[in-house]
Amino acid sequence: MKYFIYCLKHYADFSGRARRSEFWFYTLFNSIISLVLAIGFFGKVVALAYQESLNPNDTMAVMLALFTNPFLIILMLYSLAVFIPTLAVSVRRLHDIGRSGFWLLGYYVVSWIISIIMQIFTNNPIVVAILLFPMFALAIWYLVWMFTDSQYGPNKYGDNPKGMGNPTEEETNNTEIDQ
């Protein structure tokens, strides 16, 4: 929970490095909260489906009932609230393995493009199946990077958050004296 709160406190901090534990504990608590809200939303949807007073053919009434669902509103607000911290911790995690945060932008842009193409070719299952392969490969690649251990020592994004390989205070002072 401390990492989740830490990431929320560092709302838009895209600099520095994030350890695997920071990223994955944030992701765990974010997923749990989202799942609870989604279960609440779908529970209300199921209850709505069994409600006798609502005519399923009345599209406007069904849409109004769905979009006034408090769980959906809370879920949407929550998703908007954690969007920036989620990007920030992901970028810091990439920094920890020595990668630029622009790799994340590339991942999302390619995923969005593939998703749009899949929407265009919804009626063609062969095209959809072919397009699922690069999306799956991108997701695996991204996961491998998120599970990769920290780059040893300092890199251009900062010191190793584990402290491994970082110059000691004495080494830093000796370097300053030598210059």
Protein backbone atom coordinates (compact mmCIF):
# COMPACT_ATOMS: atom_id res chain seq x y z
CA MET A 1 0.00 0.00 0.00
CA LYS A 2 2.92 2.35 0.70
CA TYR A 3 4.00 2.23 -2.95
CA PHE A 4 0.47 3.03 -4.13
CA ILE A 5 0.36 6.08 -1.86
CA TYR A 6 3.93 7.01 -2.86
CA CYS A 7 2.97 6.97 -6.54
CA LEU A 8 -0.11 9.09 -5.86
CA LYS A 9 2.01 11.61 -3.92
CA HIS A 10 4.44 11.76 -6.85
CA TYR A 11 1.50 12.26 -9.19
CA ALA A 12 3.34 13.47 -12.29
CA ASP A 13 6.95 12.70 -11.41
CA PHE A 14 8.39 11.23 -14.60
CA SER A 15 12.02 11.60 -13.52
CA GLY A 16 14.12 9.11 -11.65
CA ARG A 17 13.82 5.37 -11.33
CA ALA A 18 11.24 2.97 -9.88
CA ARG A 19 12.06 -0.48 -8.57
CA ARG A 20 10.05 -3.51 -9.60
CA SER A 21 8.39 -3.63 -6.19
CA GLU A 22 7.20 -0.02 -6.51
CA PHE A 23 5.73 -0.65 -9.95
CA TRP A 24 4.13 -4.01 -9.18
CA PHE A 25 2.66 -3.09 -5.78
CA TYR A 26 1.19 0.06 -7.32
CA THR A 27 -0.22 -2.05 -10.16
CA LEU A 28 -1.63 -4.61 -7.69
CA PHE A 29 -3.52 -2.07 -5.57
CA ASN A 30 -4.67 -0.13 -8.63
CA SER A 31 -6.01 -3.37 -10.15
CA ILE A 32 -7.79 -4.39 -6.94
CA ILE A 33 -9.54 -1.02 -6.64
CA SER A 34 -10.52 -1.08 -10.32
CA LEU A 35 -11.77 -4.66 -10.03
CA VAL A 36 -13.95 -3.86 -7.00
CA LEU A 37 -15.49 -0.90 -8.83
CA ALA A 38 -16.00 -2.97 -11.99
CA ILE A 39 -17.69 -5.76 -10.01
CA GLY A 40 -19.98 -3.18 -8.46
CA PHE A 41 -20.80 -1.79 -11.90
CA PHE A 42 -21.51 -5.19 -13.43
CA GLY A 43 -23.54 -6.23 -10.38
CA LYS A 44 -25.76 -3.22 -10.99
CA VAL A 45 -25.96 -4.09 -14.70
CA VAL A 46 -27.09 -7.64 -13.89
CA ALA A 47 -29.63 -6.28 -11.42
CA LEU A 48 -30.81 -3.88 -14.11
CA ALA A 49 -31.20 -6.73 -16.59
CA TYR A 50 -33.50 -8.58 -14.19
CA GLN A 51 -35.49 -5.50 -13.30
CA GLU A 52 -38.99 -6.01 -14.60
CA SER A 53 -39.93 -2.35 -14.87
CA LEU A 54 -37.23 -1.66 -17.48
CA ASN A 55 -38.11 -2.52 -21.06
CA PRO A 56 -34.98 -3.93 -22.78
CA ASN A 57 -36.23 -2.57 -26.10
CA ASP A 58 -36.23 0.98 -24.75
CA THR A 59 -32.61 1.80 -25.64
CA MET A 60 -32.66 5.27 -24.15
CA ALA A 61 -33.91 4.03 -20.77
CA VAL A 62 -31.27 1.27 -20.69
CA MET A 63 -28.47 3.70 -21.62
CA LEU A 64 -29.64 6.21 -19.03
CA ALA A 65 -29.77 3.50 -16.38
CA LEU A 66 -26.26 2.29 -17.26
CA PHE A 67 -24.63 5.70 -17.40
CA THR A 68 -26.19 6.90 -14.17
CA ASN A 69 -24.81 3.86 -12.38
CA PRO A 70 -22.74 5.29 -9.50
CA PHE A 71 -20.12 2.56 -9.81
CA LEU A 72 -19.50 3.48 -13.45
CA ILE A 73 -19.13 7.16 -12.57
CA ILE A 74 -16.74 6.35 -9.70
CA LEU A 75 -14.78 3.92 -11.91
CA MET A 76 -14.42 6.52 -14.66
CA LEU A 77 -13.35 9.23 -12.21
CA TYR A 78 -10.91 6.84 -10.53
CA SER A 79 -9.45 5.81 -13.90
CA LEU A 80 -8.93 9.45 -14.83
CA ALA A 81 -7.37 10.20 -11.44
CA VAL A 82 -4.77 7.40 -11.67
CA PHE A 83 -3.97 7.77 -15.38
CA ILE A 84 -1.04 10.18 -14.87
CA PRO A 85 0.47 8.35 -11.84
CA THR A 86 0.25 5.07 -13.76
CA LEU A 87 2.12 6.59 -16.70
CA ALA A 88 4.66 8.17 -14.35
CA VAL A 89 5.48 4.96 -12.47
CA SER A 90 5.70 3.08 -15.78
CA VAL A 91 8.15 5.63 -17.18
CA ARG A 92 10.22 5.52 -13.98
CA ARG A 93 10.23 1.71 -14.21
CA LEU A 94 11.56 1.92 -17.77
CA HIS A 95 14.19 4.39 -16.56
CA ASP A 96 15.26 1.84 -13.95
CA ILE A 97 16.21 -0.63 -16.67
CA GLY A 98 17.93 2.07 -18.73
CA ARG A 99 15.12 2.64 -21.25
CA SER A 100 13.56 5.93 -22.26
CA GLY A 101 9.96 6.65 -21.34
CA PHE A 102 9.26 7.13 -25.04
CA TRP A 103 9.19 3.32 -25.36
CA LEU A 104 5.91 3.46 -23.44
CA LEU A 105 4.53 6.02 -25.86
CA GLY A 106 5.52 3.76 -28.75
CA TYR A 107 3.81 0.80 -27.09
CA TYR A 108 0.55 2.72 -26.64
CA VAL A 109 0.59 4.30 -30.10
CA VAL A 110 1.16 0.95 -31.83
CA SER A 111 -1.52 -0.69 -29.64
CA TRP A 112 -4.03 2.07 -30.44
CA ILE A 113 -3.32 1.87 -34.18
CA ILE A 114 -3.76 -1.90 -34.16
CA SER A 115 -6.99 -1.53 -32.13
CA ILE A 116 -8.39 0.97 -34.63
CA ILE A 117 -7.54 -1.32 -37.55
CA MET A 118 -9.18 -4.22 -35.70
CA GLN A 119 -12.35 -2.14 -35.27
CA ILE A 120 -12.40 -1.46 -39.01
CA PHE A 121 -12.01 -5.15 -39.85
CA THR A 122 -14.31 -6.51 -37.11
CA ASN A 123 -16.18 -8.69 -39.60
CA ASN A 124 -12.98 -10.34 -40.85
CA PRO A 125 -11.76 -12.79 -38.18
CA ILE A 126 -8.58 -13.60 -40.10
CA VAL A 127 -7.40 -9.96 -40.05
CA VAL A 128 -8.34 -9.66 -36.37
CA ALA A 129 -6.41 -12.85 -35.55
CA ILE A 130 -3.37 -11.63 -37.48
CA LEU A 131 -3.49 -8.27 -35.67
CA LEU A 132 -3.79 -9.93 -32.27
CA PHE A 133 -0.33 -11.44 -32.68
CA PRO A 134 1.64 -8.13 -32.63
CA MET A 135 -0.52 -6.85 -29.75
CA PHE A 136 0.22 -10.03 -27.79
CA ALA A 137 3.93 -9.78 -28.66
CA LEU A 138 4.03 -6.13 -27.54
CA ALA A 139 2.33 -7.01 -24.25
CA ILE A 140 4.85 -9.81 -23.59
CA TRP A 141 7.76 -7.51 -24.46
CA TYR A 142 6.41 -4.82 -22.12
CA LEU A 143 5.92 -7.36 -19.31
CA VAL A 144 9.45 -8.69 -19.73
CA TRP A 145 10.77 -5.15 -19.33
CA MET A 146 8.60 -4.54 -16.25
CA PHE A 147 9.98 -7.74 -14.67
CA THR A 148 13.61 -6.99 -15.61
CA ASP A 149 15.93 -6.29 -12.68
CA SER A 150 17.29 -2.79 -12.13
CA GLN A 151 20.25 -1.68 -14.16
CA TYR A 152 23.33 -2.00 -11.97
CA GLY A 153 24.68 1.27 -10.67
CA PRO A 154 23.64 4.74 -11.70
CA ASN A 155 22.39 5.44 -15.19
CA LYS A 156 21.41 8.66 -16.97
CA TYR A 157 18.08 8.67 -15.07
CA GLY A 158 19.59 8.56 -11.59
CA ASP A 159 21.09 6.32 -8.96
CA ASN A 160 20.00 2.72 -8.57
CA PRO A 161 17.05 2.77 -6.14
CA LYS A 162 18.35 -0.45 -4.58
CA GLY A 163 21.66 1.28 -3.84
CA MET A 164 23.60 -1.41 -5.71
CA GLY A 165 26.55 -0.06 -7.66
CA ASN A 166 25.95 3.55 -6.67
CA PRO A 167 29.08 5.48 -5.77
CA THR A 168 29.52 5.91 -2.05
CA GLU A 169 29.71 9.35 -0.49
CA GLU A 170 33.47 8.87 -0.04
CA GLU A 171 33.94 7.99 -3.74
CA THR A 172 31.88 11.03 -4.73
CA ASN A 173 34.00 13.30 -2.51
CA ASN A 174 37.24 11.81 -3.92
CA THR A 175 36.03 12.44 -7.47
CA GLU A 176 35.25 16.06 -6.67
CA ILE A 177 38.72 16.54 -5.11
CA ASP A 178 40.45 14.95 -8.15
CA GLN A 179 38.76 17.41 -10.52
